[in-house]
Amino acid sequence: MAPNFARFVTNPWRTACYNRCKPSTRKRMDSALRTQLLPVFGSLRLDEINRVAVLRWFDGYSRTAPAGANRTLDILRQILNYGIECGHLESNPACGVKRNPRPKVTRFLSKDEVARVHATIDAHRGRGSRSPSKPTSFACCCGRMPQGRNPESAVEGSGRQRTAFDRQQDGTQNRPS
C-alpha cells in the first residue's frame, strides 16, 4: 500500500531529493509544500492522487498566482516521479498538465548597454561597413530617436522624446506627433 503524501514527503522524498537542493530551493519548496501541496494532497495516499485532483488544484492556484502554480507544479511532479521510482505509483498524474504561459517581457536597454551598442557600431563603421547612423541605430534599439533629433515628437515641457507608450496613453498611437 502506498504511503500518504505527507508521510512520503517528510521521509523518503526529503532524504533522497530535498536534502540535495540548495538552501534557496529548499526555502521555495518548503513554502510550496506548506501553503499549497500539503493542504490539498497531504492526507491522500500517493496512489489516490489522480489527474483530476491535480488539474483542480492547479487551475485554482493558477487564478491567483500563475507563475507560483507553475513552480509548485514542478515540485509536485518531482515528488510524484520519486513515488514512481519507489514503486508507489505506476504513472505521474502531474505529467502532461500544461503550464501557464509566461507573459512576454519588454526590456529596454540601459544607458550602459546603449553606449556599448554605439561603440560597436562606431568600431564597425571604421572598417568600411555600411552601418546605419548613430540616431538610426538608437531608434532601432530603443524604438525612438535620441534627444534633439526629432523635436516635433518631444513630450512638451519634459525635455524627453515621445515614446510609443506616450502615444498610446494620449490616443495618438498611429498619428504623427
N, C-alpha and C. Protein backbone atom coordinates (compact mmCIF):
# COMPACT_ATOMS: atom_id res chain seq x y z
N MET A 1 0.85 -1.18 0.00
CA MET A 1 0.00 0.00 0.00
C MET A 1 0.89 1.24 0.00
N ALA A 2 0.51 2.23 -0.81
CA ALA A 2 1.29 3.47 -0.93
C ALA A 2 1.13 4.33 0.32
N PRO A 3 2.19 5.02 0.72
CA PRO A 3 2.09 5.92 1.87
C PRO A 3 1.29 7.16 1.50
N ASN A 4 0.82 7.88 2.54
CA ASN A 4 0.14 9.13 2.21
C ASN A 4 1.18 10.17 1.81
N PHE A 5 0.72 11.19 1.10
CA PHE A 5 1.59 12.21 0.53
C PHE A 5 2.46 12.88 1.60
N ALA A 6 1.85 13.28 2.71
CA ALA A 6 2.59 13.98 3.77
C ALA A 6 3.70 13.12 4.33
N ARG A 7 3.43 11.86 4.59
CA ARG A 7 4.45 10.96 5.14
C ARG A 7 5.57 10.73 4.12
N PHE A 8 5.20 10.56 2.86
CA PHE A 8 6.18 10.33 1.81
C PHE A 8 7.11 11.53 1.65
N VAL A 9 6.53 12.75 1.70
CA VAL A 9 7.33 13.97 1.55
C VAL A 9 8.29 14.16 2.72
N THR A 10 7.85 13.85 3.94
CA THR A 10 8.70 14.09 5.10
C THR A 10 9.80 13.05 5.28
N ASN A 11 9.63 11.86 4.72
CA ASN A 11 10.67 10.85 4.91
C ASN A 11 11.42 10.50 3.63
N PRO A 12 10.92 9.60 2.79
CA PRO A 12 11.74 9.15 1.67
C PRO A 12 12.13 10.27 0.69
N TRP A 13 11.16 11.10 0.29
CA TRP A 13 11.47 12.15 -0.68
C TRP A 13 12.43 13.18 -0.10
N ARG A 14 12.22 13.57 1.15
CA ARG A 14 13.10 14.56 1.77
C ARG A 14 14.54 14.06 1.81
N THR A 15 14.72 12.81 2.18
CA THR A 15 16.06 12.24 2.28
C THR A 15 16.71 12.12 0.89
N ALA A 16 15.97 11.64 -0.09
CA ALA A 16 16.54 11.36 -1.40
C ALA A 16 16.67 12.59 -2.30
N CYS A 17 15.74 13.52 -2.22
CA CYS A 17 15.71 14.63 -3.18
C CYS A 17 15.89 16.00 -2.53
N TYR A 18 15.08 16.30 -1.57
CA TYR A 18 15.05 17.62 -0.94
C TYR A 18 16.41 17.99 -0.35
N ASN A 19 17.03 17.06 0.35
CA ASN A 19 18.29 17.36 1.04
C ASN A 19 19.45 17.65 0.09
N ARG A 20 19.30 17.32 -1.19
CA ARG A 20 20.35 17.62 -2.16
C ARG A 20 20.21 19.01 -2.77
N CYS A 21 19.14 19.72 -2.46
CA CYS A 21 18.87 21.03 -3.05
C CYS A 21 19.60 22.14 -2.30
N LYS A 22 19.80 23.25 -3.00
CA LYS A 22 20.40 24.44 -2.37
C LYS A 22 19.41 25.01 -1.35
N PRO A 23 19.92 25.76 -0.38
CA PRO A 23 19.04 26.35 0.64
C PRO A 23 17.93 27.23 0.05
N SER A 24 18.22 27.99 -1.00
CA SER A 24 17.18 28.85 -1.58
C SER A 24 16.08 28.00 -2.22
N THR A 25 16.46 26.89 -2.83
CA THR A 25 15.46 25.99 -3.43
C THR A 25 14.63 25.33 -2.34
N ARG A 26 15.29 24.93 -1.26
CA ARG A 26 14.57 24.32 -0.14
C ARG A 26 13.54 25.28 0.43
N LYS A 27 13.92 26.53 0.54
CA LYS A 27 13.00 27.54 1.09
C LYS A 27 11.75 27.65 0.21
N ARG A 28 11.94 27.67 -1.10
CA ARG A 28 10.81 27.73 -2.04
C ARG A 28 9.97 26.47 -1.93
N MET A 29 10.63 25.30 -1.82
CA MET A 29 9.90 24.03 -1.70
C MET A 29 9.11 23.99 -0.39
N ASP A 30 9.72 24.44 0.69
CA ASP A 30 9.02 24.46 1.99
C ASP A 30 7.75 25.29 1.90
N SER A 31 7.87 26.45 1.27
CA SER A 31 6.70 27.32 1.14
C SER A 31 5.62 26.66 0.29
N ALA A 32 6.01 26.05 -0.82
CA ALA A 32 5.04 25.39 -1.70
C ALA A 32 4.37 24.22 -0.98
N LEU A 33 5.15 23.46 -0.24
CA LEU A 33 4.58 22.33 0.50
C LEU A 33 3.61 22.83 1.57
N ARG A 34 4.04 23.81 2.35
CA ARG A 34 3.25 24.30 3.48
C ARG A 34 1.95 24.97 3.02
N THR A 35 2.04 25.78 1.96
CA THR A 35 0.87 26.58 1.57
C THR A 35 -0.01 25.94 0.52
N GLN A 36 0.55 25.04 -0.30
CA GLN A 36 -0.23 24.51 -1.42
C GLN A 36 -0.38 23.00 -1.41
N LEU A 37 0.73 22.28 -1.39
CA LEU A 37 0.66 20.84 -1.64
C LEU A 37 0.15 20.03 -0.45
N LEU A 38 0.67 20.29 0.75
CA LEU A 38 0.22 19.51 1.90
C LEU A 38 -1.25 19.75 2.26
N PRO A 39 -1.74 21.00 2.20
CA PRO A 39 -3.17 21.18 2.49
C PRO A 39 -4.08 20.44 1.50
N VAL A 40 -3.66 20.31 0.26
CA VAL A 40 -4.52 19.68 -0.75
C VAL A 40 -4.30 18.17 -0.83
N PHE A 41 -3.04 17.75 -0.85
CA PHE A 41 -2.73 16.34 -1.10
C PHE A 41 -2.21 15.58 0.13
N GLY A 42 -1.93 16.29 1.20
CA GLY A 42 -1.28 15.69 2.36
C GLY A 42 -1.93 14.45 2.92
N SER A 43 -3.23 14.39 2.99
CA SER A 43 -3.91 13.25 3.60
C SER A 43 -4.18 12.11 2.62
N LEU A 44 -3.94 12.36 1.33
CA LEU A 44 -4.19 11.32 0.32
C LEU A 44 -3.00 10.37 0.19
N ARG A 45 -3.30 9.11 -0.07
CA ARG A 45 -2.22 8.19 -0.41
C ARG A 45 -1.71 8.57 -1.80
N LEU A 46 -0.46 8.29 -2.07
CA LEU A 46 0.10 8.65 -3.37
C LEU A 46 -0.73 8.08 -4.53
N ASP A 47 -1.19 6.85 -4.38
CA ASP A 47 -1.95 6.23 -5.46
C ASP A 47 -3.40 6.75 -5.55
N GLU A 48 -3.80 7.61 -4.62
CA GLU A 48 -5.13 8.25 -4.69
C GLU A 48 -5.08 9.61 -5.39
N ILE A 49 -3.88 10.12 -5.61
CA ILE A 49 -3.75 11.41 -6.30
C ILE A 49 -3.90 11.13 -7.79
N ASN A 50 -4.93 11.71 -8.39
CA ASN A 50 -5.18 11.48 -9.81
C ASN A 50 -5.09 12.79 -10.59
N ARG A 51 -5.17 12.65 -11.89
CA ARG A 51 -5.03 13.82 -12.77
C ARG A 51 -6.11 14.86 -12.51
N VAL A 52 -7.32 14.43 -12.23
CA VAL A 52 -8.41 15.37 -11.96
C VAL A 52 -8.09 16.22 -10.73
N ALA A 53 -7.60 15.59 -9.68
CA ALA A 53 -7.25 16.33 -8.46
C ALA A 53 -6.11 17.31 -8.73
N VAL A 54 -5.12 16.89 -9.50
CA VAL A 54 -4.00 17.77 -9.83
C VAL A 54 -4.50 18.94 -10.66
N LEU A 55 -5.31 18.68 -11.67
CA LEU A 55 -5.84 19.76 -12.51
C LEU A 55 -6.71 20.73 -11.71
N ARG A 56 -7.54 20.20 -10.82
CA ARG A 56 -8.40 21.05 -10.00
C ARG A 56 -7.54 21.99 -9.13
N TRP A 57 -6.51 21.41 -8.47
CA TRP A 57 -5.61 22.22 -7.65
C TRP A 57 -4.88 23.26 -8.51
N PHE A 58 -4.32 22.82 -9.64
CA PHE A 58 -3.52 23.69 -10.48
C PHE A 58 -4.36 24.84 -11.05
N ASP A 59 -5.55 24.54 -11.51
CA ASP A 59 -6.42 25.59 -12.05
C ASP A 59 -6.79 26.62 -10.98
N GLY A 60 -7.08 26.14 -9.77
CA GLY A 60 -7.41 27.06 -8.68
C GLY A 60 -6.25 27.97 -8.31
N TYR A 61 -5.08 27.39 -8.18
CA TYR A 61 -3.90 28.18 -7.81
C TYR A 61 -3.50 29.12 -8.94
N SER A 62 -3.68 28.69 -10.18
CA SER A 62 -3.31 29.50 -11.35
C SER A 62 -4.12 30.78 -11.44
N ARG A 63 -5.32 30.79 -10.89
CA ARG A 63 -6.14 32.01 -10.95
C ARG A 63 -5.52 33.15 -10.16
N THR A 64 -4.83 32.82 -9.07
CA THR A 64 -4.27 33.88 -8.23
C THR A 64 -2.77 34.07 -8.44
N ALA A 65 -2.05 33.01 -8.80
CA ALA A 65 -0.60 33.12 -8.95
C ALA A 65 -0.11 32.15 -10.02
N PRO A 66 -0.26 32.50 -11.30
CA PRO A 66 0.09 31.57 -12.36
C PRO A 66 1.56 31.13 -12.34
N ALA A 67 2.48 32.03 -12.07
CA ALA A 67 3.90 31.65 -12.03
C ALA A 67 4.18 30.76 -10.82
N GLY A 68 3.57 31.07 -9.69
CA GLY A 68 3.72 30.23 -8.50
C GLY A 68 3.14 28.85 -8.72
N ALA A 69 2.03 28.78 -9.44
CA ALA A 69 1.42 27.49 -9.76
C ALA A 69 2.36 26.66 -10.63
N ASN A 70 3.02 27.30 -11.58
CA ASN A 70 3.98 26.60 -12.44
C ASN A 70 5.13 26.02 -11.61
N ARG A 71 5.70 26.84 -10.73
CA ARG A 71 6.83 26.38 -9.91
C ARG A 71 6.41 25.24 -8.98
N THR A 72 5.23 25.36 -8.40
CA THR A 72 4.76 24.34 -7.47
C THR A 72 4.38 23.06 -8.22
N LEU A 73 3.88 23.19 -9.43
CA LEU A 73 3.60 22.02 -10.26
C LEU A 73 4.89 21.24 -10.51
N ASP A 74 5.98 21.95 -10.75
CA ASP A 74 7.28 21.29 -10.96
C ASP A 74 7.69 20.49 -9.72
N ILE A 75 7.45 21.05 -8.55
CA ILE A 75 7.79 20.35 -7.30
C ILE A 75 6.91 19.11 -7.15
N LEU A 76 5.61 19.26 -7.41
CA LEU A 76 4.71 18.11 -7.32
C LEU A 76 5.12 17.01 -8.30
N ARG A 77 5.49 17.39 -9.51
CA ARG A 77 5.96 16.40 -10.49
C ARG A 77 7.18 15.65 -9.96
N GLN A 78 8.12 16.39 -9.37
CA GLN A 78 9.33 15.76 -8.85
C GLN A 78 8.98 14.76 -7.74
N ILE A 79 8.11 15.16 -6.85
CA ILE A 79 7.71 14.28 -5.74
C ILE A 79 7.05 13.01 -6.29
N LEU A 80 6.13 13.18 -7.22
CA LEU A 80 5.42 12.03 -7.76
C LEU A 80 6.33 11.15 -8.64
N ASN A 81 7.30 11.75 -9.32
CA ASN A 81 8.28 10.95 -10.07
C ASN A 81 9.10 10.08 -9.12
N TYR A 82 9.44 10.63 -7.97
CA TYR A 82 10.16 9.82 -6.99
C TYR A 82 9.24 8.71 -6.44
N GLY A 83 7.96 9.00 -6.35
CA GLY A 83 6.99 7.97 -5.96
C GLY A 83 6.97 6.81 -6.95
N ILE A 84 7.15 7.11 -8.22
CA ILE A 84 7.24 6.06 -9.25
C ILE A 84 8.52 5.25 -9.04
N GLU A 85 9.64 5.95 -8.82
CA GLU A 85 10.92 5.27 -8.57
C GLU A 85 10.82 4.31 -7.40
N CYS A 86 10.09 4.71 -6.38
CA CYS A 86 9.95 3.88 -5.18
C CYS A 86 8.92 2.76 -5.35
N GLY A 87 8.22 2.76 -6.47
CA GLY A 87 7.25 1.70 -6.73
C GLY A 87 5.86 1.96 -6.17
N HIS A 88 5.59 3.18 -5.71
CA HIS A 88 4.27 3.51 -5.14
C HIS A 88 3.26 3.92 -6.20
N LEU A 89 3.74 4.34 -7.37
CA LEU A 89 2.87 4.80 -8.46
C LEU A 89 3.31 4.15 -9.76
N GLU A 90 2.36 3.99 -10.66
CA GLU A 90 2.69 3.48 -11.99
C GLU A 90 2.95 4.62 -12.97
N SER A 91 2.26 5.74 -12.78
CA SER A 91 2.45 6.90 -13.64
C SER A 91 2.27 8.17 -12.81
N ASN A 92 2.74 9.27 -13.36
CA ASN A 92 2.69 10.55 -12.66
C ASN A 92 1.46 11.34 -13.14
N PRO A 93 0.47 11.55 -12.27
CA PRO A 93 -0.74 12.28 -12.69
C PRO A 93 -0.48 13.76 -12.98
N ALA A 94 0.69 14.27 -12.59
CA ALA A 94 1.00 15.67 -12.86
C ALA A 94 1.68 15.85 -14.22
N CYS A 95 2.14 14.75 -14.82
CA CYS A 95 2.76 14.83 -16.14
C CYS A 95 1.69 15.14 -17.17
N GLY A 96 2.03 16.00 -18.09
CA GLY A 96 1.08 16.37 -19.13
C GLY A 96 0.18 17.53 -18.76
N VAL A 97 0.23 17.99 -17.51
CA VAL A 97 -0.52 19.18 -17.13
C VAL A 97 0.22 20.36 -17.75
N LYS A 98 -0.49 21.12 -18.55
CA LYS A 98 0.12 22.22 -19.28
C LYS A 98 0.38 23.42 -18.36
N ARG A 99 1.61 23.89 -18.37
CA ARG A 99 1.99 25.04 -17.55
C ARG A 99 1.31 26.31 -18.05
N ASN A 100 1.17 27.28 -17.18
CA ASN A 100 0.62 28.58 -17.56
C ASN A 100 1.63 29.30 -18.44
N PRO A 101 1.16 30.00 -19.47
CA PRO A 101 2.11 30.73 -20.32
C PRO A 101 2.73 31.89 -19.56
N ARG A 102 3.98 32.15 -19.86
CA ARG A 102 4.66 33.29 -19.24
C ARG A 102 4.35 34.54 -20.03
N PRO A 103 4.15 35.66 -19.35
CA PRO A 103 3.89 36.91 -20.09
C PRO A 103 5.16 37.34 -20.83
N LYS A 104 4.96 37.95 -21.99
CA LYS A 104 6.09 38.48 -22.74
C LYS A 104 6.62 39.70 -21.98
N VAL A 105 7.93 39.78 -21.86
CA VAL A 105 8.55 40.85 -21.09
C VAL A 105 9.20 41.83 -22.05
N THR A 106 8.87 43.10 -21.89
CA THR A 106 9.52 44.14 -22.67
C THR A 106 10.69 44.65 -21.86
N ARG A 107 11.83 44.68 -22.49
CA ARG A 107 13.03 45.12 -21.78
C ARG A 107 13.65 46.25 -22.57
N PHE A 108 14.04 47.30 -21.89
CA PHE A 108 14.70 48.42 -22.52
C PHE A 108 16.18 48.38 -22.18
N LEU A 109 16.99 48.88 -23.10
CA LEU A 109 18.43 48.91 -22.85
C LEU A 109 18.76 49.97 -21.81
N SER A 110 19.73 49.66 -20.98
CA SER A 110 20.22 50.65 -20.02
C SER A 110 21.13 51.63 -20.77
N LYS A 111 21.49 52.73 -20.15
CA LYS A 111 22.41 53.70 -20.77
C LYS A 111 23.74 53.04 -21.11
N ASP A 112 24.19 52.18 -20.21
CA ASP A 112 25.44 51.45 -20.42
C ASP A 112 25.37 50.56 -21.66
N GLU A 113 24.26 49.85 -21.81
CA GLU A 113 24.08 48.97 -22.96
C GLU A 113 23.99 49.76 -24.26
N VAL A 114 23.30 50.90 -24.23
CA VAL A 114 23.20 51.75 -25.42
C VAL A 114 24.59 52.25 -25.80
N ALA A 115 25.38 52.63 -24.82
CA ALA A 115 26.74 53.10 -25.08
C ALA A 115 27.57 51.99 -25.74
N ARG A 116 27.41 50.74 -25.27
CA ARG A 116 28.15 49.63 -25.88
C ARG A 116 27.69 49.38 -27.31
N VAL A 117 26.39 49.52 -27.57
CA VAL A 117 25.88 49.36 -28.94
C VAL A 117 26.52 50.42 -29.83
N HIS A 118 26.54 51.66 -29.37
CA HIS A 118 27.14 52.75 -30.15
C HIS A 118 28.62 52.50 -30.39
N ALA A 119 29.34 52.04 -29.39
CA ALA A 119 30.77 51.76 -29.54
C ALA A 119 30.99 50.67 -30.59
N THR A 120 30.15 49.66 -30.57
CA THR A 120 30.27 48.57 -31.54
C THR A 120 30.00 49.08 -32.95
N ILE A 121 28.96 49.90 -33.09
CA ILE A 121 28.63 50.46 -34.41
C ILE A 121 29.77 51.35 -34.89
N ASP A 122 30.30 52.18 -34.01
CA ASP A 122 31.41 53.04 -34.39
C ASP A 122 32.63 52.23 -34.81
N ALA A 123 32.90 51.13 -34.10
CA ALA A 123 34.03 50.27 -34.44
C ALA A 123 33.84 49.65 -35.81
N HIS A 124 32.62 49.22 -36.13
CA HIS A 124 32.35 48.62 -37.44
C HIS A 124 32.39 49.66 -38.55
N ARG A 125 31.96 50.85 -38.24
CA ARG A 125 31.96 51.92 -39.24
C ARG A 125 33.38 52.19 -39.70
N GLY A 126 34.35 52.08 -38.81
CA GLY A 126 35.75 52.30 -39.14
C GLY A 126 36.30 51.23 -40.07
N ARG A 127 35.62 50.09 -40.17
CA ARG A 127 36.08 49.00 -41.05
C ARG A 127 35.43 49.07 -42.42
N GLY A 128 34.74 50.16 -42.71
CA GLY A 128 34.15 50.33 -44.03
C GLY A 128 32.79 49.66 -44.20
N SER A 129 32.17 49.24 -43.10
CA SER A 129 30.85 48.64 -43.23
C SER A 129 29.81 49.71 -43.46
N ARG A 130 28.66 49.34 -43.92
CA ARG A 130 27.59 50.30 -44.19
C ARG A 130 26.62 50.33 -43.02
N SER A 131 27.12 50.59 -41.86
CA SER A 131 26.28 50.63 -40.66
C SER A 131 25.41 51.87 -40.68
N PRO A 132 24.23 51.80 -40.11
CA PRO A 132 23.36 52.99 -40.05
C PRO A 132 23.97 54.04 -39.11
N SER A 133 23.44 55.24 -39.21
CA SER A 133 23.92 56.32 -38.35
C SER A 133 23.59 56.02 -36.89
N LYS A 134 24.26 56.73 -36.00
CA LYS A 134 24.00 56.54 -34.57
C LYS A 134 22.53 56.77 -34.21
N PRO A 135 21.91 57.87 -34.68
CA PRO A 135 20.49 58.06 -34.34
C PRO A 135 19.61 56.94 -34.86
N THR A 136 19.90 56.44 -36.06
CA THR A 136 19.09 55.37 -36.62
C THR A 136 19.27 54.09 -35.81
N SER A 137 20.51 53.79 -35.43
CA SER A 137 20.73 52.58 -34.64
C SER A 137 20.07 52.71 -33.28
N PHE A 138 20.10 53.90 -32.71
CA PHE A 138 19.45 54.13 -31.43
C PHE A 138 17.95 53.88 -31.57
N ALA A 139 17.37 54.37 -32.66
CA ALA A 139 15.93 54.19 -32.89
C ALA A 139 15.60 52.71 -33.04
N CYS A 140 16.48 51.96 -33.71
CA CYS A 140 16.25 50.52 -33.88
C CYS A 140 16.29 49.80 -32.54
N CYS A 141 17.24 50.18 -31.68
CA CYS A 141 17.38 49.51 -30.40
C CYS A 141 16.32 49.93 -29.40
N CYS A 142 15.97 51.21 -29.42
CA CYS A 142 15.14 51.75 -28.35
C CYS A 142 13.74 52.15 -28.79
N GLY A 143 13.47 52.09 -30.08
CA GLY A 143 12.13 52.41 -30.56
C GLY A 143 11.85 53.90 -30.65
N ARG A 144 12.87 54.74 -30.55
CA ARG A 144 12.67 56.18 -30.69
C ARG A 144 13.99 56.84 -31.07
N MET A 145 13.90 58.04 -31.61
CA MET A 145 15.10 58.79 -31.96
C MET A 145 15.70 59.39 -30.69
N PRO A 146 17.03 59.59 -30.66
CA PRO A 146 17.62 60.18 -29.46
C PRO A 146 17.21 61.64 -29.31
N GLN A 147 17.39 62.16 -28.12
CA GLN A 147 17.04 63.52 -27.76
C GLN A 147 17.54 64.52 -28.80
N GLY A 148 16.66 65.41 -29.20
CA GLY A 148 17.07 66.50 -30.07
C GLY A 148 17.03 66.16 -31.55
N ARG A 149 16.76 64.96 -31.95
CA ARG A 149 16.75 64.58 -33.37
C ARG A 149 15.41 64.83 -34.03
N ASN A 150 14.35 64.78 -33.27
CA ASN A 150 13.02 64.92 -33.85
C ASN A 150 12.21 65.80 -32.90
N PRO A 151 12.46 67.12 -32.90
CA PRO A 151 11.87 67.99 -31.89
C PRO A 151 10.35 68.00 -31.87
N GLU A 152 9.72 67.75 -33.04
CA GLU A 152 8.25 67.78 -33.02
C GLU A 152 7.66 66.61 -32.25
N SER A 153 8.49 65.60 -31.93
CA SER A 153 7.95 64.46 -31.19
C SER A 153 8.30 64.51 -29.71
N ALA A 154 8.87 65.62 -29.26
CA ALA A 154 9.23 65.72 -27.84
C ALA A 154 7.97 65.86 -26.99
N VAL A 155 8.03 65.34 -25.79
CA VAL A 155 6.93 65.50 -24.85
C VAL A 155 7.04 66.90 -24.28
N GLU A 156 5.99 67.68 -24.46
CA GLU A 156 6.02 69.08 -24.05
C GLU A 156 6.48 69.29 -22.62
N GLY A 157 7.46 70.17 -22.47
CA GLY A 157 7.92 70.58 -21.15
C GLY A 157 8.71 69.53 -20.39
N SER A 158 8.90 68.36 -20.96
CA SER A 158 9.59 67.32 -20.19
C SER A 158 11.05 67.18 -20.58
N GLY A 159 11.40 67.69 -21.77
CA GLY A 159 12.78 67.54 -22.22
C GLY A 159 13.09 66.12 -22.71
N ARG A 160 12.06 65.30 -22.90
CA ARG A 160 12.32 63.95 -23.39
C ARG A 160 11.47 63.68 -24.62
N GLN A 161 11.85 62.67 -25.36
CA GLN A 161 11.15 62.30 -26.58
C GLN A 161 9.88 61.52 -26.26
N ARG A 162 8.90 61.64 -27.15
CA ARG A 162 7.69 60.85 -27.01
C ARG A 162 8.00 59.41 -27.37
N THR A 163 7.43 58.49 -26.65
CA THR A 163 7.60 57.07 -26.93
C THR A 163 6.28 56.50 -27.39
N ALA A 164 6.31 55.24 -27.83
CA ALA A 164 5.06 54.57 -28.21
C ALA A 164 4.10 54.55 -27.03
N PHE A 165 4.64 54.41 -25.80
CA PHE A 165 3.80 54.42 -24.61
C PHE A 165 3.10 55.76 -24.46
N ASP A 166 3.83 56.88 -24.70
CA ASP A 166 3.22 58.21 -24.61
C ASP A 166 2.08 58.33 -25.62
N ARG A 167 2.33 57.88 -26.85
CA ARG A 167 1.30 57.98 -27.88
C ARG A 167 0.09 57.12 -27.54
N GLN A 168 0.34 55.97 -26.97
CA GLN A 168 -0.77 55.08 -26.59
C GLN A 168 -1.60 55.74 -25.48
N GLN A 169 -0.92 56.38 -24.52
CA GLN A 169 -1.63 56.99 -23.40
C GLN A 169 -2.49 58.17 -23.83
N ASP A 170 -2.03 58.95 -24.82
CA ASP A 170 -2.83 60.11 -25.21
C ASP A 170 -3.66 59.87 -26.46
N GLY A 171 -3.68 58.62 -26.96
CA GLY A 171 -4.55 58.27 -28.07
C GLY A 171 -4.00 58.66 -29.44
N THR A 172 -2.73 58.99 -29.54
CA THR A 172 -2.16 59.36 -30.84
C THR A 172 -1.26 58.25 -31.36
N GLN A 173 -1.62 57.04 -31.08
CA GLN A 173 -0.80 55.86 -31.41
C GLN A 173 -0.35 55.85 -32.86
N ASN A 174 -1.26 56.06 -33.79
CA ASN A 174 -0.93 55.91 -35.19
C ASN A 174 -0.81 57.24 -35.93
N ARG A 175 -0.87 58.32 -35.21
CA ARG A 175 -0.75 59.64 -35.85
C ARG A 175 0.60 60.21 -35.51
N PRO A 176 1.20 60.96 -36.45
CA PRO A 176 2.46 61.62 -36.11
C PRO A 176 2.22 62.66 -35.02
N SER A 177 3.21 62.90 -34.20
CA SER A 177 3.07 63.84 -33.08
C SER A 177 2.96 65.25 -33.56
